[in-house]
Amino acid sequence: MRPGVKLSLNNDALPAGLATVFAGVDGEATAQARKYFLPYPPSSPSIALFQDGKLVHFLERHHIEGASAVMIAENLVEAYNQYCQ
């Protein structure tokens, strides 16, 4: 997943900020982050994109597992181009 996220950052349109929460390492931060991901159930790993505080794009574990870094990057770039202009 992380190589795909890194690869996605080679794009003109990008999110204003990036943050990471590691489930199993910081339970309180993970619980808080998951509140923002509703209505999606807890999923680790996952990737969320927000615009003006609203969740606009979400990749769940089943979208990430088995996907190549390029596939993940392409999905994120499409979302950046739609929401991060």
C-alpha atoms as a PDB file:
ATOM      1  CA  MET A   1       0.000   0.000   0.000  1.00  0.00           C
ATOM      2  CA  ARG A   2       2.637   2.563   1.009  1.00  0.00           C
ATOM      3  CA  PRO A   3       4.556   2.314  -2.291  1.00  0.00           C
ATOM      4  CA  GLY A   4       1.281   3.024  -4.103  1.00  0.00           C
ATOM      5  CA  VAL A   5       0.580   6.077  -1.963  1.00  0.00           C
ATOM      6  CA  LYS A   6       4.138   7.325  -2.500  1.00  0.00           C
ATOM      7  CA  LEU A   7       3.843   6.797  -6.252  1.00  0.00           C
ATOM      8  CA  SER A   8       0.521   8.669  -6.309  1.00  0.00           C
ATOM      9  CA  LEU A   9       2.261  11.784  -5.019  1.00  0.00           C
ATOM     10  CA  ASN A  10       3.953  12.245  -8.406  1.00  0.00           C
ATOM     11  CA  ASN A  11       0.879  14.130  -9.605  1.00  0.00           C
ATOM     12  CA  ASP A  12       0.036  17.796 -10.132  1.00  0.00           C
ATOM     13  CA  ALA A  13      -3.143  17.669  -8.038  1.00  0.00           C
ATOM     14  CA  LEU A  14      -2.414  16.559  -4.467  1.00  0.00           C
ATOM     15  CA  PRO A  15      -4.150  16.574  -1.082  1.00  0.00           C
ATOM     16  CA  ALA A  16      -3.343  19.564   1.123  1.00  0.00           C
ATOM     17  CA  GLY A  17      -2.058  17.261   3.856  1.00  0.00           C
ATOM     18  CA  LEU A  18      -1.223  13.651   4.624  1.00  0.00           C
ATOM     19  CA  ALA A  19      -1.599  11.731   7.873  1.00  0.00           C
ATOM     20  CA  THR A  20      -1.014   8.150   8.964  1.00  0.00           C
ATOM     21  CA  VAL A  21      -2.543   6.165  11.795  1.00  0.00           C
ATOM     22  CA  PHE A  22      -1.246   2.685  12.564  1.00  0.00           C
ATOM     23  CA  ALA A  23      -3.871   0.314  13.979  1.00  0.00           C
ATOM     24  CA  GLY A  24      -2.393  -1.717  16.795  1.00  0.00           C
ATOM     25  CA  VAL A  25       0.147   0.971  17.659  1.00  0.00           C
ATOM     26  CA  ASP A  26      -2.019   3.905  18.704  1.00  0.00           C
ATOM     27  CA  GLY A  27      -5.468   2.644  19.609  1.00  0.00           C
ATOM     28  CA  GLU A  28      -6.856   6.044  20.562  1.00  0.00           C
ATOM     29  CA  ALA A  29      -5.794   7.689  17.296  1.00  0.00           C
ATOM     30  CA  THR A  30      -7.106   4.716  15.321  1.00  0.00           C
ATOM     31  CA  ALA A  31     -10.487   4.874  17.071  1.00  0.00           C
ATOM     32  CA  GLN A  32     -10.745   8.602  16.369  1.00  0.00           C
ATOM     33  CA  ALA A  33      -9.756   8.195  12.709  1.00  0.00           C
ATOM     34  CA  ARG A  34     -12.312   5.439  12.203  1.00  0.00           C
ATOM     35  CA  LYS A  35     -15.078   7.804  13.313  1.00  0.00           C
ATOM     36  CA  TYR A  36     -14.255   9.942  10.279  1.00  0.00           C
ATOM     37  CA  PHE A  37     -14.466   6.906   7.971  1.00  0.00           C
ATOM     38  CA  LEU A  38     -18.107   6.096   8.703  1.00  0.00           C
ATOM     39  CA  PRO A  39     -20.185   4.556   7.170  1.00  0.00           C
ATOM     40  CA  TYR A  40     -17.267   2.278   6.211  1.00  0.00           C
ATOM     41  CA  PRO A  41     -16.477  -0.458   8.741  1.00  0.00           C
ATOM     42  CA  PRO A  42     -13.006  -0.636  10.302  1.00  0.00           C
ATOM     43  CA  SER A  43     -10.518  -1.696   7.663  1.00  0.00           C
ATOM     44  CA  SER A  44      -6.774  -2.028   8.027  1.00  0.00           C
ATOM     45  CA  PRO A  45      -5.147  -1.043   5.848  1.00  0.00           C
ATOM     46  CA  SER A  46      -7.294   1.665   4.320  1.00  0.00           C
ATOM     47  CA  ILE A  47      -6.820   5.016   2.592  1.00  0.00           C
ATOM     48  CA  ALA A  48      -9.168   7.963   2.963  1.00  0.00           C
ATOM     49  CA  LEU A  49      -9.366  11.234   1.064  1.00  0.00           C
ATOM     50  CA  PHE A  50     -11.208  14.191   2.539  1.00  0.00           C
ATOM     51  CA  GLN A  51     -12.345  17.432   0.948  1.00  0.00           C
ATOM     52  CA  ASP A  52     -13.470  20.268   3.222  1.00  0.00           C
ATOM     53  CA  GLY A  53     -13.669  17.797   6.111  1.00  0.00           C
ATOM     54  CA  LYS A  54     -15.927  15.391   4.183  1.00  0.00           C
ATOM     55  CA  LEU A  55     -14.905  11.851   3.235  1.00  0.00           C
ATOM     56  CA  VAL A  56     -14.930  11.763  -0.575  1.00  0.00           C
ATOM     57  CA  HIS A  57     -12.877   8.668  -1.466  1.00  0.00           C
ATOM     58  CA  PHE A  58     -12.069   5.522   0.503  1.00  0.00           C
ATOM     59  CA  LEU A  59     -10.049   2.422  -0.272  1.00  0.00           C
ATOM     60  CA  GLU A  60     -10.809  -0.522   1.977  1.00  0.00           C
ATOM     61  CA  ARG A  61      -8.588  -3.518   2.638  1.00  0.00           C
ATOM     62  CA  HIS A  62     -10.229  -5.531  -0.160  1.00  0.00           C
ATOM     63  CA  HIS A  63      -9.340  -2.747  -2.640  1.00  0.00           C
ATOM     64  CA  ILE A  64      -5.707  -2.739  -1.480  1.00  0.00           C
ATOM     65  CA  GLU A  65      -4.787  -6.385  -0.920  1.00  0.00           C
ATOM     66  CA  GLY A  66      -3.585  -7.983  -4.119  1.00  0.00           C
ATOM     67  CA  ALA A  67      -3.373  -4.637  -5.907  1.00  0.00           C
ATOM     68  CA  SER A  68      -0.022  -3.502  -7.244  1.00  0.00           C
ATOM     69  CA  ALA A  69       1.520  -0.182  -6.229  1.00  0.00           C
ATOM     70  CA  VAL A  70       0.708   1.126  -9.708  1.00  0.00           C
ATOM     71  CA  MET A  71      -2.964   0.114  -9.400  1.00  0.00           C
ATOM     72  CA  ILE A  72      -3.276   1.841  -6.026  1.00  0.00           C
ATOM     73  CA  ALA A  73      -1.491   4.928  -7.338  1.00  0.00           C
ATOM     74  CA  GLU A  74      -3.745   5.122 -10.396  1.00  0.00           C
ATOM     75  CA  ASN A  75      -6.844   4.908  -8.190  1.00  0.00           C
ATOM     76  CA  LEU A  76      -5.558   7.673  -5.915  1.00  0.00           C
ATOM     77  CA  VAL A  77      -4.426   9.905  -8.787  1.00  0.00           C
ATOM     78  CA  GLU A  78      -7.906   9.689 -10.280  1.00  0.00           C
ATOM     79  CA  ALA A  79      -9.366  10.765  -6.930  1.00  0.00           C
ATOM     80  CA  TYR A  80      -6.797  13.581  -6.531  1.00  0.00           C
ATOM     81  CA  ASN A  81      -7.614  14.863 -10.001  1.00  0.00           C
ATOM     82  CA  GLN A  82     -11.312  14.866  -9.155  1.00  0.00           C
ATOM     83  CA  TYR A  83     -11.164  16.350  -5.647  1.00  0.00           C
ATOM     84  CA  CYS A  84      -7.858  18.176  -5.220  1.00  0.00           C
ATOM     85  CA  GLN A  85      -8.032  20.860  -7.901  1.00  0.00           C
END
